[in-house]
C-alpha atoms as a PDB file:
ATOM      1  CA  MET A   1     149.789  12.044 -65.632  1.00  0.00           C
ATOM      2  CA  GLU A   2     147.744  10.031 -67.829  1.00  0.00           C
ATOM      3  CA  PRO A   3     149.023   8.891 -71.411  1.00  0.00           C
ATOM      4  CA  LEU A   4     147.498  10.867 -74.176  1.00  0.00           C
ATOM      5  CA  VAL A   5     147.118   8.064 -77.102  1.00  0.00           C
ATOM      6  CA  PRO A   6     145.995   8.635 -80.438  1.00  0.00           C
ATOM      7  CA  SER A   7     142.878   6.808 -81.814  1.00  0.00           C
ATOM      8  CA  ALA A   8     145.016   5.549 -84.375  1.00  0.00           C
ATOM      9  CA  GLY A   9     148.631   5.060 -84.791  1.00  0.00           C
ATOM     10  CA  TRP A  10     151.481   5.957 -82.766  1.00  0.00           C
ATOM     11  CA  GLY A  11     153.294   9.615 -82.620  1.00  0.00           C
ATOM     12  CA  VAL A  12     156.429   9.929 -84.720  1.00  0.00           C
ATOM     13  CA  THR A  13     159.162  12.921 -83.906  1.00  0.00           C
ATOM     14  CA  HIS A  14     162.270  13.942 -85.646  1.00  0.00           C
ATOM     15  CA  ILE A  15     164.267  16.657 -84.680  1.00  0.00           C
ATOM     16  CA  TYR A  16     167.726  17.537 -85.935  1.00  0.00           C
ATOM     17  CA  HIS A  17     170.038  19.669 -84.146  1.00  0.00           C
ATOM     18  CA  ARG A  18     173.466  21.637 -84.293  1.00  0.00           C
ATOM     19  CA  VAL A  19     175.676  20.629 -81.545  1.00  0.00           C
ATOM     20  CA  ARG A  20     177.742  23.419 -79.708  1.00  0.00           C
ATOM     21  CA  PRO A  21     180.958  20.921 -77.875  1.00  0.00           C
ATOM     22  CA  GLY A  22     179.961  21.169 -74.209  1.00  0.00           C
ATOM     23  CA  SER A  23     180.584  19.838 -70.814  1.00  0.00           C
ATOM     24  CA  GLY A  24     180.144  16.247 -69.879  1.00  0.00           C
ATOM     25  CA  ASP A  25     177.140  17.044 -68.081  1.00  0.00           C
ATOM     26  CA  ALA A  26     175.375  18.223 -71.216  1.00  0.00           C
ATOM     27  CA  GLY A  27     176.208  14.841 -72.961  1.00  0.00           C
ATOM     28  CA  LYS A  28     174.782  12.934 -70.043  1.00  0.00           C
ATOM     29  CA  ALA A  29     171.735  14.899 -69.928  1.00  0.00           C
ATOM     30  CA  LEU A  30     171.128  14.229 -73.525  1.00  0.00           C
ATOM     31  CA  VAL A  31     171.705  10.188 -73.191  1.00  0.00           C
ATOM     32  CA  ALA A  32     169.223  10.695 -70.086  1.00  0.00           C
ATOM     33  CA  ALA A  33     166.364  12.382 -71.909  1.00  0.00           C
ATOM     34  CA  LEU A  34     166.812   9.770 -74.852  1.00  0.00           C
ATOM     35  CA  ASP A  35     166.965   6.775 -72.483  1.00  0.00           C
ATOM     36  CA  ALA A  36     163.837   8.051 -70.435  1.00  0.00           C
ATOM     37  CA  PHE A  37     161.771   8.029 -73.708  1.00  0.00           C
ATOM     38  CA  ALA A  38     162.868   4.822 -74.837  1.00  0.00           C
ATOM     39  CA  GLY A  39     162.410   3.410 -71.409  1.00  0.00           C
ATOM     40  CA  THR A  40     158.793   4.220 -71.684  1.00  0.00           C
ATOM     41  CA  ASP A  41     156.671   1.113 -72.635  1.00  0.00           C
ATOM     42  CA  ARG A  42     156.224   0.665 -76.374  1.00  0.00           C
ATOM     43  CA  HIS A  43     158.508   3.799 -77.065  1.00  0.00           C
ATOM     44  CA  GLN A  44     161.573   3.664 -79.311  1.00  0.00           C
ATOM     45  CA  VAL A  45     164.461   6.230 -79.901  1.00  0.00           C
ATOM     46  CA  LEU A  46     166.961   6.119 -83.050  1.00  0.00           C
ATOM     47  CA  THR A  47     169.465   8.539 -83.081  1.00  0.00           C
ATOM     48  CA  SER A  48     172.147   9.395 -85.672  1.00  0.00           C
ATOM     49  CA  THR A  49     175.013  11.692 -86.438  1.00  0.00           C
ATOM     50  CA  VAL A  50     173.969  13.526 -89.618  1.00  0.00           C
ATOM     51  CA  LEU A  51     176.244  13.506 -92.775  1.00  0.00           C
ATOM     52  CA  GLY A  52     177.281  17.304 -94.281  1.00  0.00           C
ATOM     53  CA  ALA A  53     176.596  20.497 -92.509  1.00  0.00           C
ATOM     54  CA  LYS A  54     172.702  20.680 -92.153  1.00  0.00           C
ATOM     55  CA  ALA A  55     172.955  19.258 -88.876  1.00  0.00           C
ATOM     56  CA  ASP A  56     174.915  17.021 -86.428  1.00  0.00           C
ATOM     57  CA  LEU A  57     172.550  15.134 -84.342  1.00  0.00           C
ATOM     58  CA  GLY A  58     169.221  13.637 -85.545  1.00  0.00           C
ATOM     59  CA  VAL A  59     166.830  12.025 -83.149  1.00  0.00           C
ATOM     60  CA  MET A  60     163.619   9.756 -84.439  1.00  0.00           C
ATOM     61  CA  ALA A  61     161.492   8.850 -81.456  1.00  0.00           C
ATOM     62  CA  ILE A  62     158.386   6.447 -82.071  1.00  0.00           C
ATOM     63  CA  GLY A  63     155.523   5.842 -79.490  1.00  0.00           C
ATOM     64  CA  PRO A  64     151.822   6.010 -78.555  1.00  0.00           C
ATOM     65  CA  ASP A  65     152.174   8.443 -75.441  1.00  0.00           C
ATOM     66  CA  LEU A  66     151.968  12.011 -76.900  1.00  0.00           C
ATOM     67  CA  ARG A  67     153.045  13.291 -73.662  1.00  0.00           C
ATOM     68  CA  ALA A  68     156.354  11.257 -73.559  1.00  0.00           C
ATOM     69  CA  HIS A  69     157.070  13.040 -77.136  1.00  0.00           C
ATOM     70  CA  ASP A  70     156.415  16.544 -75.366  1.00  0.00           C
ATOM     71  CA  THR A  71     158.776  15.639 -72.655  1.00  0.00           C
ATOM     72  CA  LEU A  72     161.430  14.646 -74.912  1.00  0.00           C
ATOM     73  CA  SER A  73     161.163  17.566 -77.130  1.00  0.00           C
ATOM     74  CA  ARG A  74     161.267  19.679 -74.142  1.00  0.00           C
ATOM     75  CA  SER A  75     164.133  17.937 -72.495  1.00  0.00           C
ATOM     76  CA  LEU A  76     166.201  18.466 -75.461  1.00  0.00           C
ATOM     77  CA  GLY A  77     165.180  22.069 -75.828  1.00  0.00           C
ATOM     78  CA  ALA A  78     166.239  22.438 -72.115  1.00  0.00           C
ATOM     79  CA  LEU A  79     170.039  21.857 -73.404  1.00  0.00           C
ATOM     80  CA  SER A  80     169.682  25.145 -75.688  1.00  0.00           C
ATOM     81  CA  GLY A  81     173.414  25.966 -74.672  1.00  0.00           C
ATOM     82  CA  THR A  82     174.246  22.498 -76.492  1.00  0.00           C
ATOM     83  CA  LEU A  83     171.759  21.726 -78.785  1.00  0.00           C
ATOM     84  CA  GLU A  84     170.228  24.227 -81.409  1.00  0.00           C
ATOM     85  CA  PRO A  85     167.213  22.777 -83.256  1.00  0.00           C
ATOM     86  CA  VAL A  86     167.182  23.174 -86.998  1.00  0.00           C
ATOM     87  CA  PHE A  87     164.259  20.904 -87.939  1.00  0.00           C
ATOM     88  CA  SER A  88     161.592  19.159 -86.422  1.00  0.00           C
ATOM     89  CA  TYR A  89     158.908  17.230 -87.732  1.00  0.00           C
ATOM     90  CA  PHE A  90     156.002  15.321 -85.972  1.00  0.00           C
ATOM     91  CA  SER A  91     153.659  12.719 -87.697  1.00  0.00           C
ATOM     92  CA  LEU A  92     151.398   9.718 -86.776  1.00  0.00           C
ATOM     93  CA  THR A  93     152.132   6.093 -88.158  1.00  0.00           C
ATOM     94  CA  GLU A  94     149.246   4.959 -90.575  1.00  0.00           C
ATOM     95  CA  THR A  95     148.211   2.480 -93.036  1.00  0.00           C
ATOM     96  CA  SER A  96     147.576   3.418 -96.719  1.00  0.00           C
ATOM     97  CA  GLU A  97     144.045   4.344 -97.643  1.00  0.00           C
ATOM     98  CA  TYR A  98     144.890   2.184-101.034  1.00  0.00           C
ATOM     99  CA  MET A  99     145.537  -0.613 -98.873  1.00  0.00           C
ATOM    100  CA  ALA A 100     143.457  -3.516-100.490  1.00  0.00           C
ATOM    101  CA  THR A 101     140.501  -4.413 -98.222  1.00  0.00           C
ATOM    102  CA  VAL A 102     139.554  -8.181 -97.127  1.00  0.00           C
ATOM    103  CA  GLU A 103     136.433  -8.010 -99.657  1.00  0.00           C
ATOM    104  CA  GLN A 104     138.677  -6.813-102.509  1.00  0.00           C
ATOM    105  CA  THR A 105     141.303  -9.532-101.851  1.00  0.00           C
ATOM    106  CA  ARG A 106     138.365 -12.002-101.786  1.00  0.00           C
ATOM    107  CA  ALA A 107     136.968 -10.786-105.180  1.00  0.00           C
ATOM    108  CA  ARG A 108     140.256 -10.900-106.637  1.00  0.00           C
ATOM    109  CA  MET A 109     141.203 -14.403-105.452  1.00  0.00           C
ATOM    110  CA  LEU A 110     137.598 -15.563-106.747  1.00  0.00           C
ATOM    111  CA  THR A 111     138.516 -14.173-110.158  1.00  0.00           C
ATOM    112  CA  GLU A 112     142.026 -15.560-110.379  1.00  0.00           C
ATOM    113  CA  HIS A 113     141.527 -18.860-108.623  1.00  0.00           C
ATOM    114  CA  GLY A 114     137.827 -19.790-108.178  1.00  0.00           C
ATOM    115  CA  PRO A 115     135.984 -21.016-105.332  1.00  0.00           C
ATOM    116  CA  ASP A 116     138.184 -23.987-104.515  1.00  0.00           C
ATOM    117  CA  GLY A 117     140.160 -23.546-101.451  1.00  0.00           C
ATOM    118  CA  LEU A 118     139.142 -20.171-101.194  1.00  0.00           C
ATOM    119  CA  ASP A 119     138.746 -20.189 -97.391  1.00  0.00           C
ATOM    120  CA  GLU A 120     142.532 -21.482 -96.870  1.00  0.00           C
ATOM    121  CA  ARG A 121     143.555 -18.701 -99.241  1.00  0.00           C
ATOM    122  CA  MET A 122     141.562 -15.992 -97.425  1.00  0.00           C
ATOM    123  CA  ALA A 123     142.911 -16.994 -93.873  1.00  0.00           C
ATOM    124  CA  GLU A 124     146.428 -16.440 -95.153  1.00  0.00           C
ATOM    125  CA  ALA A 125     145.763 -13.207 -96.963  1.00  0.00           C
ATOM    126  CA  THR A 126     144.075 -11.929 -93.958  1.00  0.00           C
ATOM    127  CA  ALA A 127     146.903 -12.854 -91.731  1.00  0.00           C
ATOM    128  CA  ARG A 128     149.230 -11.031 -94.196  1.00  0.00           C
ATOM    129  CA  LEU A 129     146.849  -7.984 -94.146  1.00  0.00           C
ATOM    130  CA  GLU A 130     146.770  -7.794 -90.626  1.00  0.00           C
ATOM    131  CA  ARG A 131     150.731  -8.088 -90.003  1.00  0.00           C
ATOM    132  CA  TYR A 132     151.173  -5.479 -92.538  1.00  0.00           C
ATOM    133  CA  ARG A 133     148.584  -3.087 -90.544  1.00  0.00           C
ATOM    134  CA  ASN A 134     150.457  -3.499 -87.451  1.00  0.00           C
ATOM    135  CA  ASP A 135     153.552  -3.116 -88.794  1.00  0.00           C
ATOM    136  CA  LYS A 136     152.882   0.241 -90.331  1.00  0.00           C
ATOM    137  CA  LEU A 137     150.604   1.355 -87.160  1.00  0.00           C
ATOM    138  CA  TYR A 138     152.718  -0.298 -84.409  1.00  0.00           C
ATOM    139  CA  PRO A 139     156.104  -0.324 -85.918  1.00  0.00           C
ATOM    140  CA  LEU A 140     159.251  -1.621 -83.893  1.00  0.00           C
ATOM    141  CA  LEU A 141     162.062  -0.338 -86.286  1.00  0.00           C
ATOM    142  CA  PRO A 142     165.587  -2.257 -86.693  1.00  0.00           C
ATOM    143  CA  VAL A 143     168.640  -0.327 -86.340  1.00  0.00           C
ATOM    144  CA  ARG A 144     170.373  -0.090 -89.288  1.00  0.00           C
ATOM    145  CA  PRO A 145     173.638   1.771 -90.117  1.00  0.00           C
ATOM    146  CA  VAL A 146     171.771   4.506 -92.369  1.00  0.00           C
ATOM    147  CA  LEU A 147     168.834   6.453 -91.587  1.00  0.00           C
ATOM    148  CA  ALA A 148     167.384   9.022 -93.960  1.00  0.00           C
ATOM    149  CA  PHE A 149     164.413  11.269 -93.543  1.00  0.00           C
ATOM    150  CA  TYR A 150     162.434  13.846 -95.853  1.00  0.00           C
ATOM    151  CA  PRO A 151     159.188  15.449 -96.010  1.00  0.00           C
ATOM    152  CA  MET A 152     156.980  15.310 -98.826  1.00  0.00           C
ATOM    153  CA  SER A 153     153.693  16.392-100.034  1.00  0.00           C
ATOM    154  CA  LYS A 154     151.296  15.742-103.219  1.00  0.00           C
ATOM    155  CA  ALA A 155     150.839  18.774-105.532  1.00  0.00           C
ATOM    156  CA  ARG A 156     147.887  20.764-105.549  1.00  0.00           C
ATOM    157  CA  ASP A 157     148.892  22.834-108.834  1.00  0.00           C
ATOM    158  CA  GLN A 158     146.915  23.722-111.886  1.00  0.00           C
ATOM    159  CA  GLY A 159     147.040  20.894-114.106  1.00  0.00           C
ATOM    160  CA  ALA A 160     148.434  18.473-111.550  1.00  0.00           C
ATOM    161  CA  ASN A 161     146.170  18.486-108.622  1.00  0.00           C
ATOM    162  CA  TRP A 162     146.547  15.082-106.965  1.00  0.00           C
ATOM    163  CA  TYR A 163     143.365  15.629-104.806  1.00  0.00           C
ATOM    164  CA  LYS A 164     140.989  16.053-107.851  1.00  0.00           C
ATOM    165  CA  LEU A 165     141.959  12.805-109.387  1.00  0.00           C
ATOM    166  CA  PRO A 166     139.183  10.081-108.974  1.00  0.00           C
ATOM    167  CA  PHE A 167     140.159   7.625-106.044  1.00  0.00           C
ATOM    168  CA  GLU A 168     140.798   4.626-108.626  1.00  0.00           C
ATOM    169  CA  ASP A 169     143.037   6.737-110.671  1.00  0.00           C
ATOM    170  CA  ARG A 170     145.117   7.448-107.395  1.00  0.00           C
ATOM    171  CA  ARG A 171     144.999   3.804-106.472  1.00  0.00           C
ATOM    172  CA  ARG A 172     146.293   2.742-109.616  1.00  0.00           C
ATOM    173  CA  LEU A 173     149.063   5.139-109.653  1.00  0.00           C
ATOM    174  CA  MET A 174     150.026   4.227-105.950  1.00  0.00           C
ATOM    175  CA  SER A 175     150.190   0.432-106.961  1.00  0.00           C
ATOM    176  CA  GLY A 176     152.740   1.229-109.350  1.00  0.00           C
ATOM    177  CA  HIS A 177     154.577   3.267-107.030  1.00  0.00           C
ATOM    178  CA  ALA A 178     154.680   0.605-104.571  1.00  0.00           C
ATOM    179  CA  ALA A 179     155.652  -1.777-106.998  1.00  0.00           C
ATOM    180  CA  VAL A 180     159.133   0.234-107.339  1.00  0.00           C
ATOM    181  CA  GLY A 181     159.576   0.114-103.484  1.00  0.00           C
ATOM    182  CA  ARG A 182     159.031  -3.394-103.445  1.00  0.00           C
ATOM    183  CA  ARG A 183     162.074  -3.928-105.663  1.00  0.00           C
ATOM    184  CA  TYR A 184     163.962  -2.935-102.931  1.00  0.00           C
ATOM    185  CA  ALA A 185     162.936  -5.217-100.137  1.00  0.00           C
ATOM    186  CA  GLY A 186     165.853  -6.594 -98.008  1.00  0.00           C
ATOM    187  CA  ARG A 187     168.070  -3.433 -98.779  1.00  0.00           C
ATOM    188  CA  ILE A 188     165.426  -0.459 -97.894  1.00  0.00           C
ATOM    189  CA  LEU A 189     162.925  -0.538 -94.918  1.00  0.00           C
ATOM    190  CA  GLN A 190     160.469   2.373 -95.391  1.00  0.00           C
ATOM    191  CA  LEU A 191     158.215   3.898 -93.099  1.00  0.00           C
ATOM    192  CA  VAL A 192     155.785   6.616 -94.201  1.00  0.00           C
ATOM    193  CA  THR A 193     154.158   8.571 -91.724  1.00  0.00           C
ATOM    194  CA  GLY A 194     151.061  11.043 -91.863  1.00  0.00           C
ATOM    195  CA  SER A 195     151.352  14.737 -90.967  1.00  0.00           C
ATOM    196  CA  THR A 196     148.390  16.482 -92.979  1.00  0.00           C
ATOM    197  CA  GLY A 197     147.006  19.050 -90.422  1.00  0.00           C
ATOM    198  CA  LEU A 198     149.839  18.358 -88.367  1.00  0.00           C
ATOM    199  CA  ASP A 199     152.796  19.790 -89.678  1.00  0.00           C
ATOM    200  CA  ASP A 200     153.812  21.842 -92.824  1.00  0.00           C
ATOM    201  CA  TRP A 201     154.156  18.628 -95.283  1.00  0.00           C
ATOM    202  CA  GLU A 202     151.733  15.971 -95.509  1.00  0.00           C
ATOM    203  CA  TRP A 203     153.994  12.734 -95.088  1.00  0.00           C
ATOM    204  CA  GLY A 204     157.477  11.977 -93.437  1.00  0.00           C
ATOM    205  CA  VAL A 205     159.395   9.143 -94.933  1.00  0.00           C
ATOM    206  CA  THR A 206     161.847   7.321 -92.847  1.00  0.00           C
ATOM    207  CA  LEU A 207     164.423   5.083 -94.550  1.00  0.00           C
ATOM    208  CA  LEU A 208     166.856   2.435 -92.929  1.00  0.00           C
ATOM    209  CA  ALA A 209     169.601   0.785 -94.712  1.00  0.00           C
ATOM    210  CA  ASP A 210     172.640  -0.864 -94.511  1.00  0.00           C
ATOM    211  CA  ASP A 211     174.178   0.577 -97.669  1.00  0.00           C
ATOM    212  CA  ILE A 212     173.579   4.377 -98.416  1.00  0.00           C
ATOM    213  CA  THR A 213     173.820   3.570-101.967  1.00  0.00           C
ATOM    214  CA  ALA A 214     170.500   1.925-101.605  1.00  0.00           C
ATOM    215  CA  VAL A 215     168.845   5.218-100.691  1.00  0.00           C
ATOM    216  CA  LYS A 216     170.195   7.059-103.363  1.00  0.00           C
ATOM    217  CA  GLU A 217     169.278   4.396-105.552  1.00  0.00           C
ATOM    218  CA  ILE A 218     165.397   4.130-104.683  1.00  0.00           C
ATOM    219  CA  VAL A 219     164.945   7.728-104.408  1.00  0.00           C
ATOM    220  CA  TYR A 220     166.218   8.183-107.984  1.00  0.00           C
ATOM    221  CA  GLU A 221     164.268   5.374-109.423  1.00  0.00           C
ATOM    222  CA  MET A 222     161.027   6.812-107.575  1.00  0.00           C
ATOM    223  CA  ARG A 223     161.702  10.076-109.408  1.00  0.00           C
ATOM    224  CA  PHE A 224     160.432   8.363-112.848  1.00  0.00           C
ATOM    225  CA  ASP A 225     157.645   6.836-111.358  1.00  0.00           C
ATOM    226  CA  GLU A 226     154.353   8.734-112.574  1.00  0.00           C
ATOM    227  CA  VAL A 227     153.051   9.811-109.077  1.00  0.00           C
ATOM    228  CA  THR A 228     156.678  11.274-108.201  1.00  0.00           C
ATOM    229  CA  ALA A 229     157.203  12.794-111.550  1.00  0.00           C
ATOM    230  CA  ASP A 230     154.048  14.503-111.697  1.00  0.00           C
ATOM    231  CA  TYR A 231     152.618  14.883-108.001  1.00  0.00           C
ATOM    232  CA  GLY A 232     155.651  14.511-105.705  1.00  0.00           C
ATOM    233  CA  ARG A 233     156.635  17.839-103.899  1.00  0.00           C
ATOM    234  CA  PHE A 234     159.758  17.331-101.399  1.00  0.00           C
ATOM    235  CA  GLY A 235     161.309  19.121 -98.260  1.00  0.00           C
ATOM    236  CA  PRO A 236     164.894  18.829 -96.987  1.00  0.00           C
ATOM    237  CA  PHE A 237     166.610  15.517 -97.061  1.00  0.00           C
ATOM    238  CA  PHE A 238     168.872  14.505 -93.742  1.00  0.00           C
ATOM    239  CA  VAL A 239     170.922  11.269 -94.006  1.00  0.00           C
ATOM    240  CA  GLY A 240     172.798  10.021 -91.090  1.00  0.00           C
ATOM    241  CA  LEU A 241     174.732   7.417 -89.484  1.00  0.00           C
ATOM    242  CA  THR A 242     173.070   5.580 -86.667  1.00  0.00           C
ATOM    243  CA  CYS A 243     174.462   4.871 -83.021  1.00  0.00           C
ATOM    244  CA  PRO A 244     173.092   4.120 -79.671  1.00  0.00           C
ATOM    245  CA  PRO A 245     172.499   7.158 -77.425  1.00  0.00           C
ATOM    246  CA  GLU A 246     175.296   6.297 -75.219  1.00  0.00           C
ATOM    247  CA  GLU A 247     177.960   6.842 -78.090  1.00  0.00           C
ATOM    248  CA  LEU A 248     176.500  10.335 -78.934  1.00  0.00           C
ATOM    249  CA  PRO A 249     178.597  12.210 -76.134  1.00  0.00           C
ATOM    250  CA  GLU A 250     182.000  10.800 -77.835  1.00  0.00           C
ATOM    251  CA  ARG A 251     180.770  11.099 -81.282  1.00  0.00           C
ATOM    252  CA  LEU A 252     179.519  14.945 -80.889  1.00  0.00           C
ATOM    253  CA  GLY A 253     182.176  16.027 -78.930  1.00  0.00           C
ATOM    254  CA  LEU A 254     180.054  16.626 -75.851  1.00  0.00           C
END
């Protein structure tokens, strides 16, 4: 069957399960399903055991072929005697609409530095913008010990409707929001994926970290940012400890 690929971005599936201890065959089937997805070209799967009682197993799957995402979901669903889904989320990788364009970058550089050396500076800036775009649309995520995920939307409330704000106001607010995130560079890797029209929330946020304290700190600090304080609406939070798929049967008692 031919792959089914979005015209922009890759699919991202998050599924969280409760696990009922079962036979070794269930553990083998789980690992086989995860390996089959990860073995598809340009596809990646990150697995985690979830802290707390919301779920036991977290699966994050990234890749271009929507049929591969569907196959993985159905393969996990076939393990219904062992895996009970408690939450799932589908989204697409995307770039921010507030990302500076090449033309805006050129205008800013002319204002700040004048025409001298503009071509060289623009070549470097264009390369950075392209790297940023590729990292967002076609990510290869590092495996870090902590993986956190939550869905969110922007408010459409009376007196706090994000979608009635002029674009430049939204862009200014998001610039300040992004500045908070940049302070955690090296401590937090963040992937924001879009789900408007695809799932119940508008974005999915994945945070990868070596230290769980960094997750707590960035989310707390973001709460004071104007974008979040006035317009942020959040779904459930899941935090897990990552491990290779082959270690899951032992860690989950399968």
